[in-house]
Amino acid sequence: MFAQAHQTLHSLLQRYTFSVVARDVVIPDKAKEISAEHGLRVTYYHGTAEERIVTLQYRERPKSVWFNKSGRAKDMKIAGVVTLCSGSAHALPNVTDMLVGIAEASVPEPGKPKRSGLHYTMWEMGATPVYELAKALISKVPVSEASLKPKLRLLGPEGQDELWALARLVLFGNVAAFDPQSQFPMSLRCPPALFVQECAMRLNDDAIWQKYVEVCPAVKLALAPPPTLPVVAPELHMAALNDLLSTLAAAAPPPPMMTLEEQVQQYNSAEQQSPPYAPHSPEYVPEFM
């Protein structure tokens, strides 16, 4: 396990509020549009969910969380690494669906119904796997990689194993699972090496990448310099550069310096060829008097 990454990921997930949709969403009549091509299209809805708290410590009673259509964030990034894809952007939240997002305390607004509890400023559906990861991070009961795989599997056509991959890195320190030559590849949206690098950067833990390069021979080979470009010490580079400059100087020597008499002669010759509107000419009229 990587302690720094574990702590950072826990802190990032603590910023989210999890909740479960408590009742069917409300769709105003004027927000329903019906067309022969697309059928029913909903332009607005709102609903209420019940907070789900991820903690081992006592907290006050869970709050209700209000949400609406405009607050939905399609393809939300969890910890800046994992893409939470819940399917169609037009799908409506159903009762018992779990949501995740950033919530704030509701403040009464003049002329609008009073809401108590929290309201989402940004949210997304399909949050059960993220909730399970948040619980695993603080769990006192040992868990295994295999037992977490079905719990952390994401929706969507690609990247279903990204959350599980994040857990394998942070909770178990299993960098060998990301070997590019692994016989058991995971469903990720990017190459394994890039995923590990992104996790190390986002979770502020260089030890992840260092351990990955150390354990995976294929990564070592990819990062090694090409055999046709040997590593050269800096002082040898400078010596080669000096030799090159000397060669160029010998091949094209600079023109000799002109004597003072030659410079005066060149100046007088140029002055004699000047046009009649030169400053010394009687026809010269200054632009500004």
C-alpha atoms as a PDB file:
ATOM      1  CA  MET A   1       0.000   0.000   0.000  1.00  0.00           C
ATOM      2  CA  PHE A   2       1.173   3.537  -0.763  1.00  0.00           C
ATOM      3  CA  ALA A   3       0.489   5.596   2.371  1.00  0.00           C
ATOM      4  CA  GLN A   4       0.666   9.048   0.765  1.00  0.00           C
ATOM      5  CA  ALA A   5      -1.642   8.039  -2.093  1.00  0.00           C
ATOM      6  CA  HIS A   6      -4.040   6.391   0.390  1.00  0.00           C
ATOM      7  CA  GLN A   7      -4.262   9.568   2.457  1.00  0.00           C
ATOM      8  CA  THR A   8      -4.710  11.813  -0.592  1.00  0.00           C
ATOM      9  CA  LEU A   9      -7.415   9.636  -2.123  1.00  0.00           C
ATOM     10  CA  HIS A  10      -9.281   9.485   1.192  1.00  0.00           C
ATOM     11  CA  SER A  11      -9.170  13.288   1.443  1.00  0.00           C
ATOM     12  CA  LEU A  12     -10.437  13.679  -2.137  1.00  0.00           C
ATOM     13  CA  LEU A  13     -13.367  11.307  -1.620  1.00  0.00           C
ATOM     14  CA  GLN A  14     -14.330  13.080   1.597  1.00  0.00           C
ATOM     15  CA  ARG A  15     -15.244  16.122  -0.493  1.00  0.00           C
ATOM     16  CA  TYR A  16     -18.072  14.179  -2.152  1.00  0.00           C
ATOM     17  CA  THR A  17     -21.559  13.651  -0.787  1.00  0.00           C
ATOM     18  CA  PHE A  18     -23.199  10.295  -1.499  1.00  0.00           C
ATOM     19  CA  SER A  19     -26.958   9.862  -1.486  1.00  0.00           C
ATOM     20  CA  VAL A  20     -29.732   7.507  -2.580  1.00  0.00           C
ATOM     21  CA  VAL A  21     -32.730   8.746  -4.555  1.00  0.00           C
ATOM     22  CA  ALA A  22     -35.676   8.621  -2.142  1.00  0.00           C
ATOM     23  CA  ARG A  23     -38.626   9.111  -4.507  1.00  0.00           C
ATOM     24  CA  ASP A  24     -39.471   9.586  -8.171  1.00  0.00           C
ATOM     25  CA  VAL A  25     -38.185  12.804  -9.688  1.00  0.00           C
ATOM     26  CA  VAL A  26     -40.650  15.624 -10.330  1.00  0.00           C
ATOM     27  CA  ILE A  27     -41.106  16.650 -13.983  1.00  0.00           C
ATOM     28  CA  PRO A  28     -43.163  19.816 -14.579  1.00  0.00           C
ATOM     29  CA  ASP A  29     -45.626  19.581 -17.465  1.00  0.00           C
ATOM     30  CA  LYS A  30     -43.942  22.435 -19.330  1.00  0.00           C
ATOM     31  CA  ALA A  31     -40.647  20.515 -19.203  1.00  0.00           C
ATOM     32  CA  LYS A  32     -42.044  17.631 -21.282  1.00  0.00           C
ATOM     33  CA  GLU A  33     -41.499  17.779 -25.025  1.00  0.00           C
ATOM     34  CA  ILE A  34     -42.838  15.077 -27.326  1.00  0.00           C
ATOM     35  CA  SER A  35     -41.690  14.622 -30.893  1.00  0.00           C
ATOM     36  CA  ALA A  36     -42.211  11.877 -33.478  1.00  0.00           C
ATOM     37  CA  GLU A  37     -38.452  11.449 -33.884  1.00  0.00           C
ATOM     38  CA  HIS A  38     -37.242  11.388 -30.262  1.00  0.00           C
ATOM     39  CA  GLY A  39     -40.414  10.651 -28.320  1.00  0.00           C
ATOM     40  CA  LEU A  40     -40.586  12.160 -24.812  1.00  0.00           C
ATOM     41  CA  ARG A  41     -37.783  14.595 -24.020  1.00  0.00           C
ATOM     42  CA  VAL A  42     -37.434  16.072 -20.551  1.00  0.00           C
ATOM     43  CA  THR A  43     -35.843  19.512 -20.307  1.00  0.00           C
ATOM     44  CA  TYR A  44     -36.007  19.827 -16.515  1.00  0.00           C
ATOM     45  CA  TYR A  45     -36.619  17.730 -13.415  1.00  0.00           C
ATOM     46  CA  HIS A  46     -35.758  17.820  -9.734  1.00  0.00           C
ATOM     47  CA  GLY A  47     -35.768  15.330  -6.897  1.00  0.00           C
ATOM     48  CA  THR A  48     -34.694  14.473  -3.373  1.00  0.00           C
ATOM     49  CA  ALA A  49     -32.171  11.928  -2.178  1.00  0.00           C
ATOM     50  CA  GLU A  50     -31.124  10.731   1.271  1.00  0.00           C
ATOM     51  CA  GLU A  51     -27.504  11.207   2.304  1.00  0.00           C
ATOM     52  CA  ARG A  52     -25.274   8.163   2.820  1.00  0.00           C
ATOM     53  CA  ILE A  53     -22.404   8.879   5.205  1.00  0.00           C
ATOM     54  CA  VAL A  54     -19.017   7.167   4.831  1.00  0.00           C
ATOM     55  CA  THR A  55     -17.449   7.272   8.293  1.00  0.00           C
ATOM     56  CA  LEU A  56     -16.543   5.118  11.275  1.00  0.00           C
ATOM     57  CA  GLN A  57     -17.297   7.965  13.653  1.00  0.00           C
ATOM     58  CA  TYR A  58     -20.619   9.196  14.963  1.00  0.00           C
ATOM     59  CA  ARG A  59     -22.289  11.947  12.992  1.00  0.00           C
ATOM     60  CA  GLU A  60     -25.641  13.689  13.118  1.00  0.00           C
ATOM     61  CA  ARG A  61     -28.623  12.277  11.315  1.00  0.00           C
ATOM     62  CA  PRO A  62     -28.209  12.038   7.495  1.00  0.00           C
ATOM     63  CA  LYS A  63     -29.650  14.998   5.601  1.00  0.00           C
ATOM     64  CA  SER A  64     -31.862  15.139   2.544  1.00  0.00           C
ATOM     65  CA  VAL A  65     -30.124  16.260  -0.651  1.00  0.00           C
ATOM     66  CA  TRP A  66     -31.980  18.165  -3.376  1.00  0.00           C
ATOM     67  CA  PHE A  67     -30.864  17.891  -7.010  1.00  0.00           C
ATOM     68  CA  ASN A  68     -32.042  18.924 -10.475  1.00  0.00           C
ATOM     69  CA  LYS A  69     -31.214  18.211 -14.112  1.00  0.00           C
ATOM     70  CA  SER A  70     -28.942  21.221 -14.666  1.00  0.00           C
ATOM     71  CA  GLY A  71     -26.574  20.074 -11.907  1.00  0.00           C
ATOM     72  CA  ARG A  72     -25.773  16.761 -13.544  1.00  0.00           C
ATOM     73  CA  ALA A  73     -22.121  16.466 -14.564  1.00  0.00           C
ATOM     74  CA  LYS A  74     -21.764  14.000 -17.414  1.00  0.00           C
ATOM     75  CA  ASP A  75     -18.655  11.786 -17.138  1.00  0.00           C
ATOM     76  CA  MET A  76     -17.483  13.135 -13.777  1.00  0.00           C
ATOM     77  CA  LYS A  77     -13.804  12.589 -12.935  1.00  0.00           C
ATOM     78  CA  ILE A  78     -13.220  10.891  -9.580  1.00  0.00           C
ATOM     79  CA  ALA A  79      -9.931  11.994  -7.983  1.00  0.00           C
ATOM     80  CA  GLY A  80      -8.972  13.355 -11.394  1.00  0.00           C
ATOM     81  CA  VAL A  81      -8.254   9.827 -12.651  1.00  0.00           C
ATOM     82  CA  VAL A  82     -11.388   7.678 -12.972  1.00  0.00           C
ATOM     83  CA  THR A  83     -14.255   8.621 -15.306  1.00  0.00           C
ATOM     84  CA  LEU A  84     -17.673   7.939 -13.806  1.00  0.00           C
ATOM     85  CA  CYS A  85     -19.909   7.182 -16.788  1.00  0.00           C
ATOM     86  CA  SER A  86     -23.540   6.399 -15.985  1.00  0.00           C
ATOM     87  CA  GLY A  87     -24.864   5.895 -19.490  1.00  0.00           C
ATOM     88  CA  SER A  88     -27.190   8.197 -21.398  1.00  0.00           C
ATOM     89  CA  ALA A  89     -27.215  11.866 -20.464  1.00  0.00           C
ATOM     90  CA  HIS A  90     -31.017  11.823 -20.833  1.00  0.00           C
ATOM     91  CA  ALA A  91     -31.575   8.948 -18.373  1.00  0.00           C
ATOM     92  CA  LEU A  92     -33.606   9.888 -15.297  1.00  0.00           C
ATOM     93  CA  PRO A  93     -32.531   8.895 -11.769  1.00  0.00           C
ATOM     94  CA  ASN A  94     -34.707   6.128 -10.379  1.00  0.00           C
ATOM     95  CA  VAL A  95     -35.588   5.342  -6.781  1.00  0.00           C
ATOM     96  CA  THR A  96     -32.641   3.616  -4.965  1.00  0.00           C
ATOM     97  CA  ASP A  97     -30.098   4.942  -7.528  1.00  0.00           C
ATOM     98  CA  MET A  98     -26.981   6.238  -5.791  1.00  0.00           C
ATOM     99  CA  LEU A  99     -25.693   9.717  -6.577  1.00  0.00           C
ATOM    100  CA  VAL A 100     -22.346  11.370  -5.855  1.00  0.00           C
ATOM    101  CA  GLY A 101     -21.319  14.978  -6.142  1.00  0.00           C
ATOM    102  CA  ILE A 102     -20.512  18.256  -4.464  1.00  0.00           C
ATOM    103  CA  ALA A 103     -23.245  19.408  -2.084  1.00  0.00           C
ATOM    104  CA  GLU A 104     -23.804  22.645  -0.194  1.00  0.00           C
ATOM    105  CA  ALA A 105     -26.174  23.697   2.534  1.00  0.00           C
ATOM    106  CA  SER A 106     -29.462  24.934   1.111  1.00  0.00           C
ATOM    107  CA  VAL A 107     -30.094  28.666   1.557  1.00  0.00           C
ATOM    108  CA  PRO A 108     -33.682  30.002   1.328  1.00  0.00           C
ATOM    109  CA  GLU A 109     -34.310  32.148  -1.742  1.00  0.00           C
ATOM    110  CA  PRO A 110     -37.044  34.794  -1.931  1.00  0.00           C
ATOM    111  CA  GLY A 111     -40.083  33.654  -3.868  1.00  0.00           C
ATOM    112  CA  LYS A 112     -39.007  29.991  -3.970  1.00  0.00           C
ATOM    113  CA  PRO A 113     -40.076  27.004  -1.829  1.00  0.00           C
ATOM    114  CA  LYS A 114     -37.919  26.582   1.252  1.00  0.00           C
ATOM    115  CA  ARG A 115     -35.567  23.579   1.143  1.00  0.00           C
ATOM    116  CA  SER A 116     -33.853  22.102   4.177  1.00  0.00           C
ATOM    117  CA  GLY A 117     -30.689  20.016   4.182  1.00  0.00           C
ATOM    118  CA  LEU A 118     -28.274  20.028   1.252  1.00  0.00           C
ATOM    119  CA  HIS A 119     -28.411  20.586  -2.488  1.00  0.00           C
ATOM    120  CA  TYR A 120     -26.097  19.299  -5.187  1.00  0.00           C
ATOM    121  CA  THR A 121     -24.215  21.872  -7.233  1.00  0.00           C
ATOM    122  CA  MET A 122     -22.782  19.012  -9.310  1.00  0.00           C
ATOM    123  CA  TRP A 123     -23.737  15.341  -9.297  1.00  0.00           C
ATOM    124  CA  GLU A 124     -23.713  12.119 -11.275  1.00  0.00           C
ATOM    125  CA  MET A 125     -25.474   8.757 -11.147  1.00  0.00           C
ATOM    126  CA  GLY A 126     -23.953   5.274 -10.984  1.00  0.00           C
ATOM    127  CA  ALA A 127     -22.046   6.120  -7.791  1.00  0.00           C
ATOM    128  CA  THR A 128     -22.318   2.784  -5.934  1.00  0.00           C
ATOM    129  CA  PRO A 129     -18.781   1.627  -6.950  1.00  0.00           C
ATOM    130  CA  VAL A 130     -17.287   4.922  -5.731  1.00  0.00           C
ATOM    131  CA  TYR A 131     -19.180   4.535  -2.437  1.00  0.00           C
ATOM    132  CA  GLU A 132     -17.757   1.019  -2.042  1.00  0.00           C
ATOM    133  CA  LEU A 133     -14.219   2.324  -2.631  1.00  0.00           C
ATOM    134  CA  ALA A 134     -14.730   5.064  -0.041  1.00  0.00           C
ATOM    135  CA  LYS A 135     -15.832   2.429   2.489  1.00  0.00           C
ATOM    136  CA  ALA A 136     -12.866   0.175   1.650  1.00  0.00           C
ATOM    137  CA  LEU A 137     -10.437   3.031   2.299  1.00  0.00           C
ATOM    138  CA  ILE A 138     -11.543   3.328   5.939  1.00  0.00           C
ATOM    139  CA  SER A 139     -12.524  -0.294   6.570  1.00  0.00           C
ATOM    140  CA  LYS A 140     -10.929  -2.080   9.521  1.00  0.00           C
ATOM    141  CA  VAL A 141     -11.833  -5.457   8.024  1.00  0.00           C
ATOM    142  CA  PRO A 142      -9.252  -6.822   5.545  1.00  0.00           C
ATOM    143  CA  VAL A 143     -10.489  -7.105   1.972  1.00  0.00           C
ATOM    144  CA  SER A 144      -8.987  -8.748  -1.089  1.00  0.00           C
ATOM    145  CA  GLU A 145      -8.506  -7.522  -4.640  1.00  0.00           C
ATOM    146  CA  ALA A 146     -10.742 -10.276  -5.979  1.00  0.00           C
ATOM    147  CA  SER A 147     -13.619  -9.400  -3.632  1.00  0.00           C
ATOM    148  CA  LEU A 148     -13.493  -5.721  -4.634  1.00  0.00           C
ATOM    149  CA  LYS A 149     -13.508  -6.292  -8.389  1.00  0.00           C
ATOM    150  CA  PRO A 150     -17.288  -6.826  -8.841  1.00  0.00           C
ATOM    151  CA  LYS A 151     -18.110  -4.058  -6.324  1.00  0.00           C
ATOM    152  CA  LEU A 152     -15.947  -1.469  -8.099  1.00  0.00           C
ATOM    153  CA  ARG A 153     -16.923  -2.288 -11.676  1.00  0.00           C
ATOM    154  CA  LEU A 154     -18.139   0.816 -13.502  1.00  0.00           C
ATOM    155  CA  LEU A 155     -20.854   1.243 -16.105  1.00  0.00           C
ATOM    156  CA  GLY A 156     -20.135   2.208 -19.691  1.00  0.00           C
ATOM    157  CA  PRO A 157     -18.624   0.649 -22.806  1.00  0.00           C
ATOM    158  CA  GLU A 158     -15.007   1.199 -21.711  1.00  0.00           C
ATOM    159  CA  GLY A 159     -12.927   1.807 -18.602  1.00  0.00           C
ATOM    160  CA  GLN A 160     -15.021  -0.539 -16.437  1.00  0.00           C
ATOM    161  CA  ASP A 161     -11.967  -1.522 -14.358  1.00  0.00           C
ATOM    162  CA  GLU A 162     -10.557   1.959 -13.711  1.00  0.00           C
ATOM    163  CA  LEU A 163     -11.875   2.204 -10.144  1.00  0.00           C
ATOM    164  CA  TRP A 164     -10.687  -1.312  -9.350  1.00  0.00           C
ATOM    165  CA  ALA A 165      -7.309  -0.458 -10.886  1.00  0.00           C
ATOM    166  CA  LEU A 166      -7.092   2.593  -8.628  1.00  0.00           C
ATOM    167  CA  ALA A 167      -7.831   0.382  -5.596  1.00  0.00           C
ATOM    168  CA  ARG A 168      -5.201  -2.175  -6.664  1.00  0.00           C
ATOM    169  CA  LEU A 169      -2.606   0.576  -6.698  1.00  0.00           C
ATOM    170  CA  VAL A 170      -3.559   2.486  -3.568  1.00  0.00           C
ATOM    171  CA  LEU A 171      -4.874  -0.247  -1.251  1.00  0.00           C
ATOM    172  CA  PHE A 172      -2.659  -3.153  -2.305  1.00  0.00           C
ATOM    173  CA  GLY A 173       0.369  -1.556  -3.977  1.00  0.00           C
ATOM    174  CA  ASN A 174      -0.006  -4.011  -6.860  1.00  0.00           C
ATOM    175  CA  VAL A 175       2.014  -2.315  -9.595  1.00  0.00           C
ATOM    176  CA  ALA A 176       2.742  -5.649 -11.299  1.00  0.00           C
ATOM    177  CA  ALA A 177      -0.902  -5.789 -12.421  1.00  0.00           C
ATOM    178  CA  PHE A 178      -0.149  -2.876 -14.763  1.00  0.00           C
ATOM    179  CA  ASP A 179       2.658  -4.612 -16.640  1.00  0.00           C
ATOM    180  CA  PRO A 180       2.073  -3.903 -20.362  1.00  0.00           C
ATOM    181  CA  GLN A 181       2.842  -7.576 -21.029  1.00  0.00           C
ATOM    182  CA  SER A 182       0.333  -8.867 -18.470  1.00  0.00           C
ATOM    183  CA  GLN A 183      -1.800 -11.831 -19.544  1.00  0.00           C
ATOM    184  CA  PHE A 184      -4.745 -10.412 -17.572  1.00  0.00           C
ATOM    185  CA  PRO A 185      -5.272  -6.874 -18.906  1.00  0.00           C
ATOM    186  CA  MET A 186      -7.805  -4.546 -17.315  1.00  0.00           C
ATOM    187  CA  SER A 187     -10.409  -2.436 -19.085  1.00  0.00           C
ATOM    188  CA  LEU A 188      -8.847   1.040 -18.961  1.00  0.00           C
ATOM    189  CA  ARG A 189      -9.342   4.115 -21.141  1.00  0.00           C
ATOM    190  CA  CYS A 190      -5.574   4.553 -21.571  1.00  0.00           C
ATOM    191  CA  PRO A 191      -2.418   2.393 -21.574  1.00  0.00           C
ATOM    192  CA  PRO A 192      -1.531   0.935 -18.134  1.00  0.00           C
ATOM    193  CA  ALA A 193       1.711   2.922 -17.843  1.00  0.00           C
ATOM    194  CA  LEU A 194      -0.122   6.183 -18.482  1.00  0.00           C
ATOM    195  CA  PHE A 195      -2.757   5.278 -15.883  1.00  0.00           C
ATOM    196  CA  VAL A 196      -0.086   4.590 -13.248  1.00  0.00           C
ATOM    197  CA  GLN A 197       1.695   7.838 -14.078  1.00  0.00           C
ATOM    198  CA  GLU A 198      -1.566   9.800 -13.787  1.00  0.00           C
ATOM    199  CA  CYS A 199      -2.353   8.205 -10.418  1.00  0.00           C
ATOM    200  CA  ALA A 200       1.107   8.994  -9.084  1.00  0.00           C
ATOM    201  CA  MET A 201       0.747  12.624 -10.136  1.00  0.00           C
ATOM    202  CA  ARG A 202      -2.868  13.173  -9.009  1.00  0.00           C
ATOM    203  CA  LEU A 203      -2.330  11.443  -5.665  1.00  0.00           C
ATOM    204  CA  ASN A 204       1.008  13.178  -5.069  1.00  0.00           C
ATOM    205  CA  ASP A 205       2.943   9.957  -4.481  1.00  0.00           C
ATOM    206  CA  ASP A 206       6.149   9.496  -6.496  1.00  0.00           C
ATOM    207  CA  ALA A 207       6.702   6.111  -4.868  1.00  0.00           C
ATOM    208  CA  ILE A 208       3.998   4.632  -7.114  1.00  0.00           C
ATOM    209  CA  TRP A 209       5.896   5.386 -10.320  1.00  0.00           C
ATOM    210  CA  GLN A 210       9.283   4.463  -8.861  1.00  0.00           C
ATOM    211  CA  LYS A 211       7.980   1.075  -7.738  1.00  0.00           C
ATOM    212  CA  TYR A 212       6.270   0.533 -11.084  1.00  0.00           C
ATOM    213  CA  VAL A 213       9.465   1.118 -13.073  1.00  0.00           C
ATOM    214  CA  GLU A 214      11.379  -1.119 -10.678  1.00  0.00           C
ATOM    215  CA  VAL A 215       8.959  -4.055 -10.868  1.00  0.00           C
ATOM    216  CA  CYS A 216       7.921  -4.047 -14.550  1.00  0.00           C
ATOM    217  CA  PRO A 217      10.776  -4.942 -16.983  1.00  0.00           C
ATOM    218  CA  ALA A 218       8.743  -3.842 -20.013  1.00  0.00           C
ATOM    219  CA  VAL A 219       8.487  -0.318 -18.626  1.00  0.00           C
ATOM    220  CA  LYS A 220      12.237  -0.253 -17.930  1.00  0.00           C
ATOM    221  CA  LEU A 221      12.919  -1.208 -21.531  1.00  0.00           C
ATOM    222  CA  ALA A 222      10.547   1.444 -22.878  1.00  0.00           C
ATOM    223  CA  LEU A 223      12.212   4.160 -20.778  1.00  0.00           C
ATOM    224  CA  ALA A 224      15.788   3.126 -21.629  1.00  0.00           C
ATOM    225  CA  PRO A 225      17.663   5.293 -24.203  1.00  0.00           C
ATOM    226  CA  PRO A 226      17.874   3.849 -27.747  1.00  0.00           C
ATOM    227  CA  PRO A 227      21.036   1.815 -28.400  1.00  0.00           C
ATOM    228  CA  THR A 228      21.939   4.052 -31.365  1.00  0.00           C
ATOM    229  CA  LEU A 229      21.972   7.127 -29.094  1.00  0.00           C
ATOM    230  CA  PRO A 230      24.400   6.330 -26.278  1.00  0.00           C
ATOM    231  CA  VAL A 231      24.362   8.434 -23.133  1.00  0.00           C
ATOM    232  CA  VAL A 232      27.257  10.928 -23.244  1.00  0.00           C
ATOM    233  CA  ALA A 233      28.648  12.826 -20.268  1.00  0.00           C
ATOM    234  CA  PRO A 234      28.090  16.640 -20.333  1.00  0.00           C
ATOM    235  CA  GLU A 235      31.808  17.426 -20.519  1.00  0.00           C
ATOM    236  CA  LEU A 236      32.153  15.260 -23.640  1.00  0.00           C
ATOM    237  CA  HIS A 237      29.251  17.145 -25.204  1.00  0.00           C
ATOM    238  CA  MET A 238      31.082  20.454 -24.603  1.00  0.00           C
ATOM    239  CA  ALA A 239      34.313  19.091 -26.077  1.00  0.00           C
ATOM    240  CA  ALA A 240      32.492  17.976 -29.208  1.00  0.00           C
ATOM    241  CA  LEU A 241      30.804  21.377 -29.478  1.00  0.00           C
ATOM    242  CA  ASN A 242      34.151  23.198 -29.223  1.00  0.00           C
ATOM    243  CA  ASP A 243      35.639  20.974 -31.929  1.00  0.00           C
ATOM    244  CA  LEU A 244      32.693  21.760 -34.186  1.00  0.00           C
ATOM    245  CA  LEU A 245      33.064  25.517 -33.664  1.00  0.00           C
ATOM    246  CA  SER A 246      36.804  25.308 -34.411  1.00  0.00           C
ATOM    247  CA  THR A 247      36.113  23.397 -37.619  1.00  0.00           C
ATOM    248  CA  LEU A 248      33.559  25.957 -38.774  1.00  0.00           C
ATOM    249  CA  ALA A 249      35.881  28.843 -37.990  1.00  0.00           C
ATOM    250  CA  ALA A 250      38.716  27.260 -40.017  1.00  0.00           C
ATOM    251  CA  ALA A 251      36.438  26.566 -42.972  1.00  0.00           C
ATOM    252  CA  ALA A 252      35.034  30.092 -43.169  1.00  0.00           C
ATOM    253  CA  PRO A 253      37.447  32.626 -41.616  1.00  0.00           C
ATOM    254  CA  PRO A 254      36.011  36.051 -40.830  1.00  0.00           C
ATOM    255  CA  PRO A 255      36.832  38.969 -43.214  1.00  0.00           C
ATOM    256  CA  PRO A 256      39.916  41.056 -42.209  1.00  0.00           C
ATOM    257  CA  MET A 257      39.414  44.310 -40.302  1.00  0.00           C
ATOM    258  CA  MET A 258      39.383  47.492 -42.457  1.00  0.00           C
ATOM    259  CA  THR A 259      41.963  50.156 -41.744  1.00  0.00           C
ATOM    260  CA  LEU A 260      40.868  53.675 -40.774  1.00  0.00           C
ATOM    261  CA  GLU A 261      41.794  55.052 -44.211  1.00  0.00           C
ATOM    262  CA  GLU A 262      39.701  52.362 -45.903  1.00  0.00           C
ATOM    263  CA  GLN A 263      36.707  53.162 -43.687  1.00  0.00           C
ATOM    264  CA  VAL A 264      36.940  56.924 -44.532  1.00  0.00           C
ATOM    265  CA  GLN A 265      37.217  56.160 -48.239  1.00  0.00           C
ATOM    266  CA  GLN A 266      34.148  53.892 -48.068  1.00  0.00           C
ATOM    267  CA  TYR A 267      32.155  56.594 -46.246  1.00  0.00           C
ATOM    268  CA  ASN A 268      33.066  59.319 -48.771  1.00  0.00           C
ATOM    269  CA  SER A 269      32.139  57.055 -51.658  1.00  0.00           C
ATOM    270  CA  ALA A 270      28.730  56.359 -50.142  1.00  0.00           C
ATOM    271  CA  GLU A 271      28.101  60.057 -49.500  1.00  0.00           C
ATOM    272  CA  GLN A 272      28.841  60.963 -53.126  1.00  0.00           C
ATOM    273  CA  GLN A 273      26.198  58.451 -54.237  1.00  0.00           C
ATOM    274  CA  SER A 274      23.510  59.876 -51.907  1.00  0.00           C
ATOM    275  CA  PRO A 275      20.331  61.336 -53.538  1.00  0.00           C
ATOM    276  CA  PRO A 276      19.878  65.145 -53.811  1.00  0.00           C
ATOM    277  CA  TYR A 277      17.470  65.155 -50.863  1.00  0.00           C
ATOM    278  CA  ALA A 278      20.216  64.107 -48.447  1.00  0.00           C
ATOM    279  CA  PRO A 279      20.650  66.439 -45.430  1.00  0.00           C
ATOM    280  CA  HIS A 280      23.764  68.115 -46.921  1.00  0.00           C
ATOM    281  CA  SER A 281      21.890  69.070 -50.125  1.00  0.00           C
ATOM    282  CA  PRO A 282      20.531  72.658 -50.562  1.00  0.00           C
ATOM    283  CA  GLU A 283      17.267  71.097 -51.723  1.00  0.00           C
ATOM    284  CA  TYR A 284      16.816  69.314 -48.374  1.00  0.00           C
ATOM    285  CA  VAL A 285      13.765  70.475 -46.430  1.00  0.00           C
ATOM    286  CA  PRO A 286      13.569  69.053 -42.887  1.00  0.00           C
ATOM    287  CA  GLU A 287      10.291  67.350 -42.088  1.00  0.00           C
ATOM    288  CA  PHE A 288      10.112  69.084 -38.747  1.00  0.00           C
ATOM    289  CA  MET A 289      11.434  72.642 -38.268  1.00  0.00           C
END
